[in-house]
Amino acid sequence: MSLWFILGGGTQLTVTGQPTVSPTLNVYIPSQEEIKSLDKATMVCLLSNFYPPGFTLKWKGDNNQEITSGVETTKANKQGDKYFASSYLTMSASDYESHDAYTCEVRHGENTHVKTVSKSGSC
């Protein structure tokens, strides 16, 4: 059982009866078809099987610079007794080509979890 309270300023307090579970991160690169035919690139970071639901997410390029334009991140959604969420980073094909690797960085509780992928799709 857990209780959620939203306090002033958007602060969320979760009272929990279960232990913290870190998210599993998976990052997916855009398809070559999207890049060539639509001249854009969409990357996806999936967070799964985590608890409690609060998190913050950042996208970074290979220069460790945060990318804020073109980012859409969902709120945590409940699935059983855990949560999942996703974040989408959409950019032009030329912007995508300007980096060799991309990082999805998630702060969950006191811990930071990082998943980096190169444009070739390897971690």
Protein backbone atom coordinates (compact mmCIF):
# COMPACT_ATOMS: atom_id res chain seq x y z
CA MET A 1 0.00 0.00 0.00
CA SER A 2 1.24 3.49 -0.76
CA LEU A 3 -0.21 6.95 -0.33
CA TRP A 4 0.57 9.93 -2.53
CA PHE A 5 0.45 13.53 -1.43
CA ILE A 6 1.06 16.50 -3.72
CA LEU A 7 2.38 19.42 -1.69
CA GLY A 8 2.79 23.07 -2.69
CA GLY A 9 5.19 23.79 -5.53
CA GLY A 10 4.58 20.38 -7.13
CA THR A 11 6.48 18.48 -4.44
CA GLN A 12 5.31 14.87 -4.31
CA LEU A 13 5.49 12.81 -1.15
CA THR A 14 4.99 9.06 -1.39
CA VAL A 15 4.40 7.05 1.77
CA THR A 16 5.27 3.51 0.91
CA GLY A 17 4.95 0.07 2.37
CA GLN A 18 7.27 -1.58 -0.13
CA PRO A 19 10.96 -1.26 -0.94
CA THR A 20 12.39 0.99 -3.63
CA VAL A 21 12.98 -0.78 -6.95
CA SER A 22 15.30 0.89 -9.48
CA PRO A 23 14.08 1.31 -13.06
CA THR A 24 15.30 -0.83 -15.91
CA LEU A 25 16.35 1.48 -18.76
CA ASN A 26 16.25 0.67 -22.47
CA VAL A 27 17.17 3.23 -25.13
CA TYR A 28 16.22 2.81 -28.78
CA ILE A 29 17.73 4.66 -31.72
CA PRO A 30 15.66 5.89 -34.69
CA SER A 31 15.14 3.73 -37.75
CA GLN A 32 17.07 4.54 -40.91
CA GLU A 33 13.70 4.74 -42.68
CA GLU A 34 12.58 7.59 -40.38
CA ILE A 35 15.86 9.43 -40.88
CA LYS A 36 15.90 9.08 -44.68
CA SER A 37 12.23 9.46 -45.56
CA LEU A 38 11.08 11.94 -42.90
CA ASP A 39 14.39 13.77 -42.31
CA LYS A 40 13.89 13.44 -38.56
CA ALA A 41 15.03 11.14 -35.77
CA THR A 42 13.14 9.98 -32.69
CA MET A 43 14.91 8.25 -29.83
CA VAL A 44 13.03 6.46 -27.05
CA CYS A 45 14.03 5.81 -23.44
CA LEU A 46 11.83 3.25 -21.68
CA LEU A 47 11.80 2.99 -17.89
CA SER A 48 10.20 -0.15 -16.51
CA ASN A 49 9.55 -2.06 -13.30
CA PHE A 50 10.31 0.73 -10.82
CA TYR A 51 8.89 1.90 -7.52
CA PRO A 52 8.03 4.47 -6.23
CA PRO A 53 6.76 6.38 -9.28
CA GLY A 54 8.71 9.66 -8.91
CA PHE A 55 11.66 10.28 -11.27
CA THR A 56 13.40 12.95 -13.34
CA LEU A 57 14.88 12.27 -16.76
CA LYS A 58 17.48 14.06 -18.89
CA TRP A 59 18.74 13.41 -22.40
CA LYS A 60 22.40 14.17 -23.12
CA GLY A 61 24.58 14.19 -26.22
CA ASP A 62 28.07 12.72 -26.37
CA ASN A 63 29.48 16.02 -25.11
CA ASN A 64 27.52 15.47 -21.85
CA GLN A 65 25.44 18.54 -22.73
CA GLU A 66 21.78 18.28 -21.75
CA ILE A 67 19.32 18.27 -24.67
CA THR A 68 16.01 19.93 -23.80
CA SER A 69 14.46 20.69 -27.19
CA GLY A 70 12.16 18.05 -28.65
CA VAL A 71 11.79 16.08 -25.39
CA GLU A 72 8.46 14.59 -24.27
CA THR A 73 8.38 12.45 -21.13
CA THR A 74 5.32 10.65 -19.80
CA LYS A 75 4.34 10.45 -16.15
CA ALA A 76 4.81 7.11 -14.42
CA ASN A 77 2.01 4.64 -15.18
CA LYS A 78 1.15 1.78 -12.87
CA GLN A 79 1.51 -1.79 -14.13
CA GLY A 80 0.81 -4.32 -11.38
CA ASP A 81 2.72 -3.16 -8.29
CA LYS A 82 5.44 -1.36 -10.32
CA TYR A 83 5.56 1.61 -12.69
CA PHE A 84 6.72 2.35 -16.23
CA ALA A 85 7.31 5.53 -18.24
CA SER A 86 8.82 6.64 -21.53
CA SER A 87 10.63 9.63 -22.93
CA TYR A 88 10.90 10.65 -26.58
CA LEU A 89 13.65 12.81 -28.05
CA THR A 90 12.74 14.07 -31.53
CA MET A 91 15.15 16.09 -33.65
CA SER A 92 16.11 16.76 -37.24
CA ALA A 93 18.25 14.16 -38.97
CA SER A 94 21.15 16.64 -39.11
CA ASP A 95 20.93 17.30 -35.36
CA TYR A 96 20.88 13.55 -34.76
CA GLU A 97 24.00 13.12 -36.88
CA SER A 98 25.83 15.79 -34.84
CA HIS A 99 26.42 13.34 -31.95
CA ASP A 100 28.01 9.90 -31.89
CA ALA A 101 26.14 8.76 -28.77
CA TYR A 102 23.12 9.69 -26.68
CA THR A 103 22.44 9.18 -22.98
CA CYS A 104 19.21 8.78 -21.05
CA GLU A 105 19.88 9.79 -17.44
CA VAL A 106 17.25 9.01 -14.81
CA ARG A 107 17.22 10.21 -11.21
CA HIS A 108 15.09 7.88 -9.09
CA GLY A 109 15.14 8.41 -5.36
CA GLU A 110 18.74 8.92 -4.27
CA ASN A 111 20.22 7.13 -7.30
CA THR A 112 21.06 8.14 -10.85
CA HIS A 113 20.78 5.52 -13.60
CA VAL A 114 22.40 6.03 -16.99
CA LYS A 115 22.01 4.26 -20.33
CA THR A 116 24.13 5.37 -23.29
CA VAL A 117 23.78 4.16 -26.87
CA SER A 118 25.84 4.93 -29.93
CA LYS A 119 24.21 5.66 -33.26
CA SER A 120 25.19 2.17 -34.36
CA GLY A 121 22.84 0.89 -31.63
CA SER A 122 25.43 -0.61 -29.30
CA CYS A 123 25.55 0.23 -25.61
